[in-house]
Protein backbone atom coordinates (compact mmCIF):
# COMPACT_ATOMS: atom_id res chain seq x y z
CA UNK A 1 -42.25 77.77 -119.52
CA UNK A 2 -39.94 79.34 -116.97
CA UNK A 3 -42.28 79.38 -114.02
CA UNK A 4 -41.17 77.08 -111.20
CA UNK A 5 -43.54 74.80 -109.35
CA UNK A 6 -42.17 76.40 -106.20
CA UNK A 7 -44.28 79.41 -107.16
CA UNK A 8 -47.57 77.51 -107.23
CA UNK A 9 -50.34 79.34 -105.46
CA UNK A 10 -53.66 78.09 -104.14
CA UNK A 11 -55.25 80.41 -106.70
CA UNK A 12 -53.39 78.68 -109.58
CA UNK A 13 -54.65 75.29 -108.42
CA UNK A 14 -58.18 76.59 -107.91
CA UNK A 15 -58.17 78.18 -111.38
CA UNK A 16 -56.96 74.97 -113.00
CA UNK A 17 -59.52 72.82 -111.20
CA UNK A 18 -62.25 75.19 -112.33
CA UNK A 19 -61.13 74.69 -115.93
CA UNK A 20 -60.76 70.90 -115.96
CA UNK A 21 -63.60 69.73 -113.71
CA UNK A 22 -66.15 67.41 -115.31
CA UNK A 23 -68.75 70.14 -115.86
CA UNK A 24 -70.96 69.54 -118.89
CA UNK A 25 -72.48 73.02 -119.17
CA UNK A 26 -70.72 75.30 -121.72
CA UNK A 27 -69.38 78.57 -120.35
CA UNK A 28 -67.11 81.46 -121.27
CA UNK A 29 -63.69 81.80 -119.65
CA UNK A 30 -63.76 85.38 -118.43
CA UNK A 31 -60.07 85.80 -117.59
CA UNK A 32 -56.89 85.10 -119.53
CA UNK A 33 -55.41 81.75 -118.50
CA UNK A 34 -52.06 82.59 -116.91
CA UNK A 35 -48.85 80.85 -118.01
CA UNK A 36 -48.46 79.49 -114.49
CA UNK A 37 -51.82 77.71 -114.83
CA UNK A 38 -50.92 76.29 -118.25
CA UNK A 39 -47.61 75.02 -116.86
CA UNK A 40 -49.39 73.53 -113.87
CA UNK A 41 -51.80 71.75 -116.24
CA UNK A 42 -48.90 70.27 -118.21
CA UNK A 43 -46.96 69.14 -115.13
CA UNK A 44 -50.08 67.63 -113.63
CA UNK A 45 -51.08 65.68 -116.71
CA UNK A 46 -54.34 67.53 -117.44
CA UNK A 47 -53.28 69.83 -120.30
CA UNK A 48 -54.70 67.53 -122.99
CA UNK A 49 -57.95 67.20 -121.05
CA UNK A 50 -58.21 70.99 -120.85
CA UNK A 51 -57.66 71.16 -124.63
CA UNK A 52 -60.43 68.57 -125.13
CA UNK A 53 -62.86 70.61 -123.04
CA UNK A 54 -62.13 73.68 -125.16
CA UNK A 55 -62.56 71.80 -128.44
CA UNK A 56 -65.78 70.13 -127.27
CA UNK A 57 -67.28 73.56 -126.65
CA UNK A 58 -67.37 73.43 -122.84
CA UNK A 59 -65.01 76.40 -122.55
CA UNK A 60 -65.27 79.47 -124.79
CA UNK A 61 -63.02 82.50 -125.12
CA UNK A 62 -59.68 80.79 -124.49
CA UNK A 63 -56.72 82.59 -126.07
CA UNK A 64 -55.44 80.99 -129.31
CA UNK A 65 -51.84 80.83 -128.04
CA UNK A 66 -52.94 78.95 -124.94
CA UNK A 67 -54.95 76.55 -127.11
CA UNK A 68 -51.92 75.87 -129.29
CA UNK A 69 -49.75 75.05 -126.27
CA UNK A 70 -52.39 72.66 -124.99
CA UNK A 71 -52.88 71.14 -128.44
CA UNK A 72 -49.19 70.25 -128.71
CA UNK A 73 -49.48 68.25 -125.47
CA UNK A 74 -52.55 66.45 -126.80
CA UNK A 75 -50.82 65.54 -130.08
CA UNK A 76 -47.77 64.19 -128.25
CA UNK A 77 -50.01 62.09 -126.01
CA UNK A 78 -51.96 60.75 -128.97
CA UNK A 79 -48.87 59.79 -130.98
CA UNK A 80 -47.23 58.12 -128.00
CA UNK A 81 -50.37 56.11 -127.30
CA UNK A 82 -50.28 54.69 -130.84
CA UNK A 83 -46.77 53.43 -130.14
CA UNK A 84 -47.82 52.00 -126.78
CA UNK A 85 -50.75 50.12 -128.35
CA UNK A 86 -48.41 48.37 -130.78
CA UNK A 87 -46.05 47.36 -127.98
CA UNK A 88 -48.94 46.18 -125.80
CA UNK A 89 -50.30 44.07 -128.68
CA UNK A 90 -46.88 42.49 -129.11
CA UNK A 91 -46.54 41.75 -125.39
CA UNK A 92 -50.06 40.33 -125.17
CA UNK A 93 -49.48 38.10 -128.18
CA UNK A 94 -46.19 36.74 -126.81
CA UNK A 95 -47.65 35.99 -123.40
CA UNK A 96 -50.92 34.50 -124.66
CA UNK A 97 -48.88 32.11 -126.81
CA UNK A 98 -47.52 30.83 -123.51
CA UNK A 99 -50.94 30.69 -121.82
CA UNK A 100 -50.34 33.80 -119.70
CA UNK A 101 -53.34 36.17 -119.74
CA UNK A 102 -52.69 39.91 -119.60
CA UNK A 103 -54.68 42.77 -118.09
CA UNK A 104 -53.94 46.44 -118.85
CA UNK A 105 -53.51 48.64 -115.77
CA UNK A 106 -53.47 52.31 -114.84
CA UNK A 107 -52.86 54.93 -117.56
CA UNK A 108 -52.95 52.56 -120.52
CA UNK A 109 -56.24 51.01 -119.39
CA UNK A 110 -57.73 54.44 -118.75
CA UNK A 111 -56.74 55.71 -122.19
CA UNK A 112 -58.14 52.55 -123.78
CA UNK A 113 -61.59 52.70 -122.31
CA UNK A 114 -62.37 55.37 -119.70
CA UNK A 115 -61.29 58.63 -121.33
CA UNK A 116 -63.27 59.66 -124.43
CA UNK A 117 -60.07 60.07 -126.48
CA UNK A 118 -56.80 58.11 -126.22
CA UNK A 119 -54.77 61.32 -126.43
CA UNK A 120 -56.20 62.70 -123.20
CA UNK A 121 -54.41 60.53 -120.63
CA UNK A 122 -50.63 61.08 -120.59
CA UNK A 123 -48.35 58.14 -119.80
CA UNK A 124 -44.78 57.14 -120.45
CA UNK A 125 -44.94 53.41 -119.78
CA UNK A 126 -47.19 50.34 -119.84
CA UNK A 127 -48.34 48.52 -116.72
CA UNK A 128 -49.67 45.00 -117.17
CA UNK A 129 -51.01 42.44 -114.75
CA UNK A 130 -50.34 38.71 -115.09
CA UNK A 131 -51.58 35.96 -112.74
CA UNK A 132 -49.76 35.71 -109.42
CA UNK A 133 -46.86 33.31 -109.79
CA UNK A 134 -46.43 34.12 -113.50
CA UNK A 135 -44.37 37.31 -113.15
CA UNK A 136 -40.96 35.71 -113.62
CA UNK A 137 -42.15 33.56 -116.50
CA UNK A 138 -43.62 36.59 -118.28
CA UNK A 139 -40.40 38.49 -117.66
CA UNK A 140 -38.31 35.67 -119.14
CA UNK A 141 -40.50 35.41 -122.25
CA UNK A 142 -40.25 39.12 -122.99
CA UNK A 143 -36.50 39.20 -122.36
CA UNK A 144 -36.05 36.32 -124.80
CA UNK A 145 -37.92 38.44 -127.34
CA UNK A 146 -35.76 41.53 -127.12
CA UNK A 147 -36.70 43.27 -123.86
CA UNK A 148 -33.81 44.58 -121.75
CA UNK A 149 -33.78 45.26 -118.03
CA UNK A 150 -34.33 48.83 -116.89
CA UNK A 151 -33.92 48.17 -113.18
CA UNK A 152 -32.72 45.44 -110.82
CA UNK A 153 -34.34 44.74 -107.43
CA UNK A 154 -32.21 44.43 -104.32
CA UNK A 155 -32.74 40.67 -104.27
CA UNK A 156 -34.68 37.85 -105.87
CA UNK A 157 -36.75 37.76 -102.69
CA UNK A 158 -37.64 41.45 -103.07
CA UNK A 159 -38.75 40.73 -106.62
CA UNK A 160 -40.89 37.84 -105.36
CA UNK A 161 -42.82 39.85 -102.75
CA UNK A 162 -43.05 43.13 -104.69
CA UNK A 163 -46.11 44.14 -106.68
CA UNK A 164 -44.15 43.85 -109.92
CA UNK A 165 -40.97 42.20 -111.14
CA UNK A 166 -38.08 44.29 -112.46
CA UNK A 167 -38.94 46.94 -115.04
CA UNK A 168 -37.91 46.27 -118.63
CA UNK A 169 -37.75 48.24 -121.86
CA UNK A 170 -39.29 46.76 -125.00
CA UNK A 171 -39.18 48.56 -128.34
CA UNK A 172 -38.26 51.75 -126.51
CA UNK A 173 -41.16 51.55 -124.03
CA UNK A 174 -40.84 51.00 -120.27
CA UNK A 175 -42.86 47.98 -119.11
CA UNK A 176 -43.85 46.99 -115.59
CA UNK A 177 -45.13 43.42 -115.18
CA UNK A 178 -47.35 43.27 -112.10
CA UNK A 179 -47.89 39.94 -110.40
CA UNK A 180 -50.23 41.62 -107.91
CA UNK A 181 -51.45 45.20 -107.48
CA UNK A 182 -49.28 45.93 -104.44
CA UNK A 183 -46.38 44.36 -102.53
CA UNK A 184 -47.39 41.54 -100.18
CA UNK A 185 -46.63 43.79 -97.21
CA UNK A 186 -48.71 46.73 -98.44
CA UNK A 187 -51.76 47.77 -96.44
CA UNK A 188 -53.66 47.82 -99.74
CA UNK A 189 -52.79 44.27 -100.86
CA UNK A 190 -55.77 41.90 -101.01
CA UNK A 191 -54.40 38.37 -100.89
CA UNK A 192 -57.64 36.46 -101.31
CA UNK A 193 -58.83 38.23 -104.47
CA UNK A 194 -58.43 36.65 -107.90
CA UNK A 195 -58.25 39.79 -110.03
CA UNK A 196 -58.73 37.84 -113.25
CA UNK A 197 -62.30 37.20 -112.13
CA UNK A 198 -62.80 40.99 -112.14
CA UNK A 199 -61.93 41.98 -115.71
CA UNK A 200 -63.83 43.31 -118.72
CA UNK A 201 -62.91 43.14 -122.41
CA UNK A 202 -62.20 46.25 -124.47
CA UNK A 203 -61.92 46.37 -128.26
CA UNK A 204 -59.57 48.90 -129.81
CA UNK A 205 -58.55 48.88 -133.46
CA UNK A 206 -59.91 45.36 -133.93
CA UNK A 207 -57.82 43.99 -131.05
CA UNK A 208 -59.31 42.77 -127.78
CA UNK A 209 -57.72 43.89 -124.53
CA UNK A 210 -58.73 43.37 -120.93
CA UNK A 211 -58.81 45.80 -118.02
CA UNK A 212 -60.01 45.51 -114.44
CA UNK A 213 -63.74 46.03 -114.00
CA UNK A 214 -64.89 49.42 -112.71
CA UNK A 215 -64.94 48.32 -109.08
CA UNK A 216 -61.40 46.98 -108.93
CA UNK A 217 -60.05 49.63 -111.25
CA UNK A 218 -61.56 52.22 -108.92
CA UNK A 219 -59.98 50.51 -105.92
CA UNK A 220 -56.60 50.31 -107.64
CA UNK A 221 -56.65 53.94 -108.79
CA UNK A 222 -57.60 55.20 -105.34
CA UNK A 223 -55.13 53.08 -103.38
CA UNK A 224 -52.29 53.59 -105.85
CA UNK A 225 -52.81 57.35 -105.54
CA UNK A 226 -52.82 56.98 -101.76
CA UNK A 227 -49.57 55.02 -101.87
CA UNK A 228 -47.89 57.70 -103.95
CA UNK A 229 -49.38 60.44 -101.79
CA UNK A 230 -47.99 58.78 -98.66
CA UNK A 231 -44.56 58.75 -100.29
CA UNK A 232 -44.96 62.45 -101.05
CA UNK A 233 -46.42 64.23 -104.06
CA UNK A 234 -49.53 64.04 -106.19
CA UNK A 235 -50.75 64.87 -109.71
CA UNK A 236 -54.16 66.23 -110.62
CA UNK A 237 -54.41 63.64 -113.41
CA UNK A 238 -54.61 60.87 -110.79
CA UNK A 239 -57.54 62.62 -109.15
CA UNK A 240 -59.11 63.19 -112.55
CA UNK A 241 -58.85 59.44 -113.23
CA UNK A 242 -60.82 58.71 -110.05
CA UNK A 243 -63.34 61.47 -110.73
CA UNK A 244 -63.82 60.10 -114.25
CA UNK A 245 -64.50 56.60 -112.90
CA UNK A 246 -66.92 57.94 -110.29
CA UNK A 247 -68.70 60.19 -112.78
CA UNK A 248 -69.64 57.28 -115.05
CA UNK A 249 -71.39 55.37 -112.25
CA UNK A 250 -75.19 55.53 -112.08
CA UNK A 251 -75.17 54.95 -108.31
CA UNK A 252 -72.08 56.76 -107.07
CA UNK A 253 -72.67 56.13 -103.37
CA UNK A 254 -73.08 52.42 -103.92
CA UNK A 255 -69.91 52.34 -106.05
CA UNK A 256 -67.87 54.10 -103.36
CA UNK A 257 -69.24 51.80 -100.65
CA UNK A 258 -68.34 48.74 -102.73
CA UNK A 259 -64.77 50.02 -103.09
CA UNK A 260 -64.55 50.57 -99.33
CA UNK A 261 -65.85 47.03 -98.76
CA UNK A 262 -62.83 45.64 -100.60
CA UNK A 263 -60.65 46.91 -97.75
CA UNK A 264 -62.74 48.10 -94.80
CA UNK A 265 -59.67 48.79 -92.66
CA UNK A 266 -58.59 51.52 -95.08
CA UNK A 267 -62.02 53.20 -95.20
CA UNK A 268 -60.76 56.61 -94.05
CA UNK A 269 -57.85 56.50 -96.51
CA UNK A 270 -60.21 55.73 -99.38
CA UNK A 271 -62.65 58.45 -98.34
CA UNK A 272 -59.75 60.90 -98.12
CA UNK A 273 -58.72 60.34 -101.73
CA UNK A 274 -62.31 60.40 -103.00
CA UNK A 275 -62.84 63.74 -101.26
CA UNK A 276 -59.81 65.09 -103.09
CA UNK A 277 -61.08 63.68 -106.40
CA UNK A 278 -64.48 65.28 -105.72
CA UNK A 279 -62.88 68.66 -106.38
CA UNK A 280 -63.03 67.71 -110.05
CA UNK A 281 -66.73 66.86 -110.02
CA UNK A 282 -69.51 69.42 -110.48
CA UNK A 283 -71.12 70.25 -107.13
CA UNK A 284 -74.38 68.56 -108.09
CA UNK A 285 -72.53 65.25 -108.65
CA UNK A 286 -70.57 65.21 -105.39
CA UNK A 287 -71.56 62.56 -102.86
CA UNK A 288 -69.12 63.67 -100.14
CA UNK A 289 -68.96 66.93 -98.22
CA UNK A 290 -65.66 68.69 -98.85
CA UNK A 291 -63.84 71.79 -97.68
CA UNK A 292 -62.53 73.14 -100.98
CA UNK A 293 -60.05 75.75 -99.67
CA UNK A 294 -58.54 73.24 -97.26
CA UNK A 295 -58.22 70.52 -99.92
CA UNK A 296 -56.65 72.94 -102.40
CA UNK A 297 -54.14 74.05 -99.80
CA UNK A 298 -53.33 70.40 -99.05
CA UNK A 299 -52.85 69.74 -102.76
CA UNK A 300 -50.41 72.60 -103.04
CA UNK A 301 -48.38 71.28 -100.10
CA UNK A 302 -48.30 67.81 -101.63
CA UNK A 303 -47.14 69.18 -104.99
CA UNK A 304 -44.27 70.94 -103.23
CA UNK A 305 -43.40 67.97 -101.00
CA UNK A 306 -39.69 67.28 -100.43
CA UNK A 307 -37.65 64.52 -98.72
CA UNK A 308 -39.37 61.99 -100.97
CA UNK A 309 -36.46 59.53 -100.80
CA UNK A 310 -36.71 59.34 -97.00
CA UNK A 311 -40.48 58.79 -97.18
CA UNK A 312 -40.01 56.07 -99.77
CA UNK A 313 -37.48 54.28 -97.57
CA UNK A 314 -39.80 54.49 -94.57
CA UNK A 315 -42.75 52.99 -96.45
CA UNK A 316 -40.52 50.34 -98.01
CA UNK A 317 -39.28 49.30 -94.55
CA UNK A 318 -42.84 49.34 -93.18
CA UNK A 319 -44.00 47.03 -95.97
CA UNK A 320 -41.11 44.67 -95.29
CA UNK A 321 -42.08 44.48 -91.61
CA UNK A 322 -45.67 43.66 -92.64
CA UNK A 323 -44.53 40.87 -94.99
CA UNK A 324 -45.57 37.46 -93.57
CA UNK A 325 -42.85 35.23 -92.12
CA UNK A 326 -40.07 36.15 -89.68
CA UNK A 327 -37.38 34.51 -91.80
CA UNK A 328 -38.54 36.35 -94.90
CA UNK A 329 -38.63 39.68 -93.03
CA UNK A 330 -35.07 39.22 -91.77
CA UNK A 331 -33.78 38.33 -95.24
CA UNK A 332 -35.49 41.34 -96.81
CA UNK A 333 -34.02 43.68 -94.18
CA UNK A 334 -30.57 42.15 -94.73
CA UNK A 335 -30.83 42.74 -98.46
CA UNK A 336 -31.82 46.35 -97.80
CA UNK A 337 -28.33 46.82 -96.35
CA UNK A 338 -26.48 44.30 -98.48
CA UNK A 339 -28.28 43.76 -101.80
CA UNK A 340 -27.37 40.88 -104.08
CA UNK A 341 -24.46 41.30 -106.46
CA UNK A 342 -26.62 41.81 -109.55
CA UNK A 343 -28.21 44.89 -107.97
CA UNK A 344 -24.85 46.25 -106.84
CA UNK A 345 -23.28 45.88 -110.27
CA UNK A 346 -26.30 47.54 -111.90
CA UNK A 347 -26.60 50.32 -109.32
CA UNK A 348 -22.91 51.21 -109.37
CA UNK A 349 -22.33 50.77 -113.05
CA UNK A 350 -19.83 53.65 -112.95
CA UNK A 351 -17.52 51.43 -110.87
CA UNK A 352 -17.18 48.57 -113.33
CA UNK A 353 -14.37 46.22 -112.43
CA UNK A 354 -14.36 47.21 -108.76
CA UNK A 355 -14.30 44.56 -106.06
CA UNK A 356 -17.73 43.85 -104.64
CA UNK A 357 -16.70 44.92 -101.12
CA UNK A 358 -15.85 48.39 -102.48
CA UNK A 359 -19.37 48.72 -103.82
CA UNK A 360 -20.84 47.74 -100.45
CA UNK A 361 -18.57 50.21 -98.69
CA UNK A 362 -19.76 53.00 -100.99
CA UNK A 363 -23.37 52.03 -100.33
CA UNK A 364 -22.91 51.92 -96.54
CA UNK A 365 -21.17 55.29 -96.47
CA UNK A 366 -24.03 56.76 -98.50
CA UNK A 367 -26.52 55.39 -96.01
């Protein structure tokens, strides 16, 4: 696939949306699906879903070569999910032995219970939620059982206020242990909510897992997508996740209003992301008025967004400034400039043996 994402057109995005939307009426694809659209589907995490729609008889007349390319993505997703399930089972068992409950988040939870087939939702890692205050304990247990660190936060304090503790790798799989859905300073953090009162059980292969209930999963999916969008960039699969959740609700308006009620101050943000997700719903199921050409053009701009590092730094600083406590704010800002030694040694691993001041000098000059 040689086509660059820099060549994405509004027409490519419109064509792909038309193919993957949650329409249940079978139809014939009149035109050959261009390579640029197939590549866009793969890069946006919806290639396997497109394959599923073809195989379920919703789309007829798709070229065999295109089907084979989509099928290979589906098979890879399916095989990877089997590996992820085994690792999740291991993690859950280790933590439950230590009285730490576990909830599956994001892609893994969606593949477990929301999508009709576990090979339809691509993912490369596992996100889990443990009770607030149990993040470090869960991290220690998994590290004692073979997990190795994949990242190091700038400071212990950063790790305390962040949504998740440092990422680890266990049995070849990246794991993020969330102690809350968002950093304490995030505009989407809900301090007073006990998320473990908002979970539902899921049985898969004889094993019981837990995920957030529809309401809080919907809130998390929408606000996580918003967070990533604000940092720059978006994937159609994230919008498909939200559309999928909305589609399964009997009373869609009530469901959306309940999500908004979780965080009334972010009402317009939440409506914005649900309008974007509505592109993937059949017109008769949409509960919000949308301007399709404008939304598609916005999607294209987001997919081509640059200067992501600068945006990430801005949002990170903003969240620090919103973190409660003057003393804690000042410490976090200090560590942004002068992280703790563990971070410096990990970040500048290519300068092993160097004096610590040399590492700080390199960091300051980079800034």
